[in-house]
Every structure is written in structure tokens, then in C-alpha cells.
Amino acid sequence: MSMRVTNQTLMASAQRNLQANKAHLASLQTQVSDLKRITRPSDDPTGTGSSLQVRAQQAAAAQYSRNIDNGRGWLTTADTAMTNSTDILRRVKDLTIQGSSDVLTPEAKEGIAAELEGLKQNLLSQANATFMGRNVFAGNSDAGVAFTSSSPAAYTGTGSTVDRRVADGVTVRVDADGAAIFGTGAGSAFDLIDKIAADLRSGANAASNISALDKRMSTLVAEHAAIGARDAQIQRAQDVNVTQQGNLEATRAGIEDVDMSKAILDLQLTSTNYEAALAVAGRILPRTLMDFLR
């Protein structure tokens, strides 16, 4: 059985080929102008699926980055407050030793006691340090301050911790335990300073408080070291996160973005082929009656 190829069949076939070439040319032009290899899922279904997975990982990495920045803010605030608190307690110790001298007059001891009261207020201010409206020494408490200004100072912390997830399955505590650092109630650093000032005014032996003062300072230094270790951990997480985000972006670009040099070359070749196809179609397609009426 023979098949007759008519003029209409040739014209339809040529038209289909030209339209396919034109569509491919338009797709390449879009890629070059948008710098995107995938502009819609149908361009590359497999690549689209991989792109969605990479973008989900990028979103998670970006969230971890925000958590890291927030956590570092907490730890930096706590670190600064504890550094200042250590300096304050050292000054308290120096004044206590100075005030224990028998050669000082009551007036001189009163001056030292007044300075100690000012140092207590400074220490209370450091203990109530905040980051973004949250106290770094009171856990999840919403009381506004970690320690009240009453005598003795009351601790308002809840005993809970503030944690930040910095990577998949990795969390870091970003607050500090105010109760452990400054003490609570009658055993707090604030009450100790009040007692030293009272001893200086009454003529009692203020030096008897030095042992308790040294113990409180040792606790503060140990807690400060723990803060430093957590800050180092979160810095390492930040370094890993930055590297991960760079790798993910490179992976995404490899899937979605166009290779510019290759795309331009393909565009030029396709454009040349399309023009050649137009010329060939114009020569080989059968002439119509209109061609003879010219």
C-alpha cells in the first residue's frame, strides 16, 4: 500500500518543524535574558525537584543563621555584664580590705560604705542586663528584672533556660543562671555588700566577709568561663553555617542558573538553524497559484 505525500502534508510538516525551532529559540532567548535554566517545572522536572530540596535546605540554613545571630547577642550581653560584675566585686574586695584597717577614722569608713552602696547598685544593674527586652540572667521569666531592688534582693528567674537551635539537632544555651552567679536572698552578692557596708559603719570586722566574697567571685569566674565555652561553640556553628550556605547556593545555581557562555552559543546556533530552515522551506515548498500571478 503506497502513501501519497501531498503538498498540504509537506507544508504541515514544514510548519511543525519551524514552530518547534521557533519555540526552542524563544526558550533559549528567555534563558539568556533571565539567566535561569529552569523558568517553569516543565523545563526540567527532575531539576525542579532537586531545586526545591536545595531551597528548603537554604531556608533552614538561613533560619539557623538568624538563631546564631540572636544567640550571640544573648551571650555577648551576658559576657559583658559578667566582666563588669567581676570588676565590681574586685573593687568591693579592695574597699573591704582597705576599710578593715584600724587606722581609718569613722568618717573614712563611712565614705567607703557609701561607695560600696553605689557599687551594689552598679552590680544590680549588671545583673539586670537585657537583650532585646529579655533579661539574660532570668531564663524565660517575664518579670522584667532578674533581681529586685529590695533588701534582700529577690530573684525572679523561673529556673528554665533559653536555648537556640544553631544546626540540625544542635542547640546551645544562650542565657546565664543568675541565681548561681549572684546568689539569692540573704546569700546573694548584693546582701554581702550590704553586710560589709554595715560592718564598716558599726565598727565590726569587715574583713570576715572576704572569704565569702572570694567564694562568690570564684563562682562568677567559673560561670563566666561556661559562657565563653558556649560562645565558642556558637561561633563554630556560625562558621559551619556560612560554609553550608555558600555550598547550597552553589548547588542551587548549578541546578537553576544558566551557563552563560554555553547558552549564548546554543542561542546563536539555534538562531542560525532557524534562519536556514526558513530559507530551505521557502525553496522546497510547492509553489501556489499566487506565485504565478506576481
Protein backbone atom coordinates (compact mmCIF):
# COMPACT_ATOMS: atom_id res chain seq x y z
CA MET A 1 0.00 0.00 0.00
CA SER A 2 1.54 3.29 -1.09
CA MET A 3 1.18 6.60 0.68
CA ARG A 4 0.78 9.76 -1.32
CA VAL A 5 2.63 12.80 0.02
CA THR A 6 0.60 15.84 -0.92
CA ASN A 7 1.57 19.47 -0.93
CA GLN A 8 -0.51 20.02 2.21
CA THR A 9 1.41 17.27 4.01
CA LEU A 10 4.73 18.87 3.14
CA MET A 11 3.53 22.27 4.24
CA ALA A 12 2.14 20.94 7.56
CA SER A 13 5.40 19.10 8.29
CA ALA A 14 7.50 22.14 7.50
CA GLN A 15 5.27 24.32 9.63
CA ARG A 16 5.58 21.96 12.59
CA ASN A 17 9.35 21.89 12.32
CA LEU A 18 9.57 25.65 12.05
CA GLN A 19 7.30 26.14 15.06
CA ALA A 20 9.39 23.68 17.11
CA ASN A 21 12.58 25.52 16.15
CA LYS A 22 10.98 28.85 16.96
CA ALA A 23 9.80 27.60 20.38
CA HIS A 24 13.30 26.32 21.17
CA LEU A 25 14.79 29.63 20.07
CA ALA A 26 12.34 31.54 22.30
CA SER A 27 13.23 29.28 25.25
CA LEU A 28 16.94 29.97 24.79
CA GLN A 29 16.29 33.71 24.50
CA THR A 30 14.38 33.60 27.78
CA GLN A 31 17.21 31.71 29.50
CA VAL A 32 19.80 34.23 28.33
CA SER A 33 17.69 37.22 29.39
CA ASP A 34 16.63 35.77 32.77
CA LEU A 35 19.90 33.89 33.45
CA LYS A 36 17.74 30.93 34.53
CA ARG A 37 17.89 27.47 33.02
CA ILE A 38 14.60 26.49 34.65
CA THR A 39 11.82 29.03 34.29
CA ARG A 40 8.93 26.58 34.84
CA PRO A 41 8.75 22.99 36.16
CA SER A 42 8.19 21.54 32.69
CA ASP A 43 11.62 22.78 31.59
CA ASP A 44 13.29 20.17 33.82
CA PRO A 45 11.04 18.17 36.19
CA THR A 46 13.98 16.37 37.80
CA GLY A 47 15.93 19.59 38.22
CA THR A 48 12.85 21.29 39.65
CA GLY A 49 12.56 18.60 42.33
CA SER A 50 16.25 18.94 43.22
CA SER A 51 15.90 22.73 43.27
CA LEU A 52 13.00 22.56 45.72
CA GLN A 53 15.03 20.33 48.04
CA VAL A 54 18.03 22.67 47.94
CA ARG A 55 15.85 25.72 48.54
CA ALA A 56 14.30 24.02 51.58
CA GLN A 57 17.79 23.40 52.94
CA GLN A 58 18.69 27.03 52.24
CA ALA A 59 15.64 28.22 54.18
CA ALA A 60 16.66 26.04 57.14
CA ALA A 61 20.25 27.30 57.00
CA ALA A 62 19.02 30.91 56.89
CA GLN A 63 16.88 30.29 59.99
CA TYR A 64 19.85 28.73 61.78
CA SER A 65 21.87 31.82 60.86
CA ARG A 66 19.24 34.08 62.44
CA ASN A 67 19.21 31.87 65.54
CA ILE A 68 23.00 32.08 65.74
CA ASP A 69 22.97 35.87 65.48
CA ASN A 70 20.32 36.07 68.20
CA GLY A 71 22.19 33.62 70.41
CA ARG A 72 25.44 35.54 70.05
CA GLY A 73 23.59 38.68 71.09
CA TRP A 74 22.45 36.96 74.28
CA LEU A 75 25.89 35.56 75.07
CA THR A 76 27.69 38.81 74.29
CA THR A 77 25.34 40.70 76.61
CA ALA A 78 25.89 38.15 79.38
CA ASP A 79 29.65 38.16 78.83
CA THR A 80 29.84 41.96 79.08
CA ALA A 81 27.69 42.02 82.21
CA MET A 82 29.80 39.32 83.90
CA THR A 83 33.05 41.08 83.00
CA ASN A 84 31.73 44.28 84.57
CA SER A 85 30.43 42.34 87.59
CA THR A 86 33.86 40.78 88.15
CA ASP A 87 35.45 44.23 88.11
CA ILE A 88 32.85 45.50 90.57
CA LEU A 89 33.42 42.65 93.02
CA ARG A 90 37.17 43.15 92.82
CA ARG A 91 36.66 46.77 93.74
CA VAL A 92 34.39 45.68 96.60
CA LYS A 93 37.15 43.39 97.86
CA ASP A 94 39.75 46.16 97.65
CA LEU A 95 37.48 48.50 99.62
CA THR A 96 36.75 45.79 102.17
CA ILE A 97 40.46 45.25 102.80
CA GLN A 98 41.03 49.00 102.92
CA GLY A 99 38.13 49.52 105.30
CA SER A 100 39.39 46.83 107.67
CA SER A 101 42.37 48.96 108.62
CA ASP A 102 42.36 50.11 112.24
CA VAL A 103 43.88 53.45 111.33
CA LEU A 104 40.80 54.64 109.40
CA THR A 105 38.52 57.14 111.03
CA PRO A 106 34.75 56.55 111.21
CA GLU A 107 34.33 59.24 108.58
CA ALA A 108 36.68 57.44 106.20
CA LYS A 109 34.85 54.17 106.76
CA GLU A 110 31.56 55.92 106.11
CA GLY A 111 32.92 57.13 102.78
CA ILE A 112 33.92 53.57 101.88
CA ALA A 113 30.49 52.28 102.93
CA ALA A 114 28.82 54.89 100.72
CA GLU A 115 30.97 53.79 97.76
CA LEU A 116 30.05 50.17 98.45
CA GLU A 117 26.38 51.08 98.26
CA GLY A 118 26.99 52.65 94.86
CA LEU A 119 28.84 49.54 93.73
CA LYS A 120 25.89 47.43 94.83
CA GLN A 121 23.59 49.44 92.57
CA ASN A 122 26.04 49.04 89.71
CA LEU A 123 26.17 45.29 90.32
CA LEU A 124 22.38 45.15 90.42
CA SER A 125 22.28 46.95 87.08
CA GLN A 126 24.63 44.38 85.55
CA ALA A 127 22.57 41.53 86.97
CA ASN A 128 19.51 43.00 85.24
CA ALA A 129 21.20 43.32 81.84
CA THR A 130 18.82 42.72 78.95
CA PHE A 131 19.00 41.77 75.27
CA MET A 132 16.07 42.79 73.08
CA GLY A 133 13.94 43.37 76.17
CA ARG A 134 14.73 39.99 77.74
CA ASN A 135 16.86 39.59 80.84
CA VAL A 136 19.86 37.37 80.19
CA PHE A 137 20.07 36.15 83.80
CA ALA A 138 16.42 35.22 84.43
CA GLY A 139 15.71 32.43 81.94
CA ASN A 140 12.22 32.70 80.46
CA SER A 141 10.92 34.97 83.20
CA ASP A 142 8.80 37.90 82.07
CA ALA A 143 9.25 39.83 85.32
CA GLY A 144 11.36 42.50 83.60
CA VAL A 145 14.26 42.25 86.05
CA ALA A 146 16.24 39.28 87.30
CA PHE A 147 16.77 40.81 90.75
CA THR A 148 14.56 43.27 92.55
CA SER A 149 15.98 46.33 94.28
CA SER A 150 14.51 45.24 97.63
CA SER A 151 16.68 44.21 100.55
CA PRO A 152 17.50 41.40 100.30
CA ALA A 153 17.22 41.35 96.52
CA ALA A 154 14.73 38.77 95.27
CA TYR A 155 15.49 36.61 92.25
CA THR A 156 12.65 36.44 89.72
CA GLY A 157 14.06 33.74 87.43
CA THR A 158 11.99 30.67 86.63
CA GLY A 159 14.81 28.12 86.55
CA SER A 160 14.16 27.47 82.85
CA THR A 161 16.80 28.02 80.18
CA VAL A 162 16.88 29.91 76.88
CA ASP A 163 18.18 27.77 74.04
CA ARG A 164 18.80 28.41 70.37
CA ARG A 165 18.93 25.74 67.67
CA VAL A 166 22.04 26.52 65.62
CA ALA A 167 22.14 23.44 63.38
CA ASP A 168 20.22 20.26 62.72
CA GLY A 169 19.98 18.55 66.12
CA VAL A 170 22.28 21.09 67.82
CA THR A 171 21.06 23.55 70.46
CA VAL A 172 23.08 25.97 72.58
CA ARG A 173 22.03 27.58 75.84
CA VAL A 174 22.34 31.35 75.47
CA ASP A 175 21.27 32.67 78.88
CA ALA A 176 23.08 32.54 82.22
CA ASP A 177 21.94 31.30 85.63
CA GLY A 178 21.56 34.48 87.67
CA ALA A 179 20.85 32.55 90.87
CA ALA A 180 24.14 30.65 90.61
CA ILE A 181 26.17 33.70 89.58
CA PHE A 182 24.93 36.35 92.01
CA GLY A 183 23.27 34.19 94.65
CA THR A 184 19.78 34.61 96.06
CA GLY A 185 18.23 36.11 99.17
CA ALA A 186 20.45 36.62 102.17
CA GLY A 187 23.32 34.78 100.49
CA SER A 188 23.48 36.96 97.40
CA ALA A 189 26.35 39.20 96.38
CA PHE A 190 24.08 42.21 96.97
CA ASP A 191 23.37 41.17 100.56
CA LEU A 192 27.08 40.55 101.10
CA ILE A 193 27.92 44.10 100.02
CA ASP A 194 25.20 45.43 102.37
CA LYS A 195 26.74 43.43 105.22
CA ILE A 196 30.23 44.76 104.53
CA ALA A 197 28.94 48.35 104.49
CA ALA A 198 27.04 47.73 107.74
CA ASP A 199 30.15 46.26 109.39
CA LEU A 200 32.19 49.30 108.39
CA ARG A 201 29.63 51.64 109.92
CA SER A 202 29.27 49.63 113.13
CA GLY A 203 32.99 49.09 113.64
CA ALA A 204 32.72 45.30 113.19
CA ASN A 205 35.43 43.32 111.43
CA ALA A 206 34.58 43.77 107.73
CA ALA A 207 37.49 41.50 106.76
CA SER A 208 35.48 38.49 107.96
CA ASN A 209 33.45 38.82 104.77
CA ILE A 210 36.42 38.42 102.44
CA SER A 211 36.17 34.63 102.38
CA ALA A 212 32.51 34.78 101.27
CA LEU A 213 33.42 37.46 98.76
CA ASP A 214 36.19 35.29 97.27
CA LYS A 215 33.78 32.36 97.01
CA ARG A 216 31.24 34.49 95.16
CA MET A 217 33.92 35.78 92.79
CA SER A 218 35.14 32.23 92.10
CA THR A 219 31.59 31.18 91.21
CA LEU A 220 31.22 34.16 88.90
CA VAL A 221 34.51 33.37 87.14
CA ALA A 222 33.51 29.73 86.66
CA GLU A 223 30.11 30.69 85.23
CA HIS A 224 31.82 33.24 83.04
CA ALA A 225 34.07 30.52 81.64
CA ALA A 226 30.97 28.45 80.82
CA ILE A 227 29.54 31.42 78.92
CA GLY A 228 32.80 31.68 76.99
CA ALA A 229 32.68 27.99 76.07
CA ARG A 230 29.12 28.31 74.76
CA ASP A 231 30.07 31.42 72.80
CA ALA A 232 32.95 29.49 71.20
CA GLN A 233 30.51 26.69 70.32
CA ILE A 234 28.10 29.09 68.67
CA GLN A 235 30.96 30.75 66.76
CA ARG A 236 31.95 27.36 65.35
CA ALA A 237 28.33 26.77 64.38
CA GLN A 238 28.35 30.15 62.62
CA ASP A 239 31.46 29.23 60.62
CA VAL A 240 29.88 25.93 59.56
CA ASN A 241 26.64 27.71 58.68
CA VAL A 242 28.40 30.26 56.46
CA THR A 243 30.20 27.45 54.60
CA GLN A 244 26.98 25.47 54.26
CA GLN A 245 25.07 28.43 52.86
CA GLY A 246 27.80 29.00 50.30
CA ASN A 247 27.75 25.36 49.22
CA LEU A 248 23.96 25.32 48.98
CA GLU A 249 23.93 28.47 46.88
CA ALA A 250 26.50 26.94 44.53
CA THR A 251 24.36 23.79 44.26
CA ARG A 252 21.22 25.84 43.59
CA ALA A 253 22.98 27.88 40.93
CA GLY A 254 24.24 24.72 39.27
CA ILE A 255 20.67 23.42 39.04
CA GLU A 256 18.73 26.58 38.21
CA ASP A 257 21.09 29.10 36.66
CA VAL A 258 22.20 29.05 33.07
CA ASP A 259 25.79 28.61 31.87
CA MET A 260 26.04 31.95 30.09
CA SER A 261 28.72 31.05 27.55
CA LYS A 262 27.01 27.79 26.63
CA ALA A 263 23.57 29.45 26.46
CA ILE A 264 24.83 32.19 24.10
CA LEU A 265 26.49 29.60 21.86
CA ASP A 266 23.31 27.49 21.78
CA LEU A 267 21.26 30.59 21.04
CA GLN A 268 23.47 31.53 18.11
CA LEU A 269 23.40 28.00 16.68
CA THR A 270 19.64 27.70 17.10
CA SER A 271 19.07 31.12 15.52
CA THR A 272 21.26 30.15 12.54
CA ASN A 273 19.45 26.83 12.17
CA TYR A 274 16.08 28.54 12.35
CA GLU A 275 17.00 31.04 9.65
CA ALA A 276 18.37 28.23 7.49
CA ALA A 277 15.18 26.23 7.97
CA LEU A 278 13.12 29.20 6.87
CA ALA A 279 15.23 29.60 3.75
CA VAL A 280 15.07 25.90 2.89
CA ALA A 281 11.32 25.75 3.49
CA GLY A 282 10.83 28.69 1.18
CA ARG A 283 12.69 26.90 -1.62
CA ILE A 284 11.31 23.38 -1.38
CA LEU A 285 7.66 24.00 -0.58
CA PRO A 286 5.48 23.77 -3.70
CA ARG A 287 4.58 26.98 -5.41
CA THR A 288 0.99 28.15 -5.25
CA LEU A 289 -1.17 29.90 -7.86
CA MET A 290 -0.34 33.20 -6.15
CA ASP A 291 3.34 32.74 -7.03
CA PHE A 292 2.48 32.69 -10.76
CA LEU A 293 0.22 35.73 -10.53
CA ARG A 294 3.05 38.02 -9.40
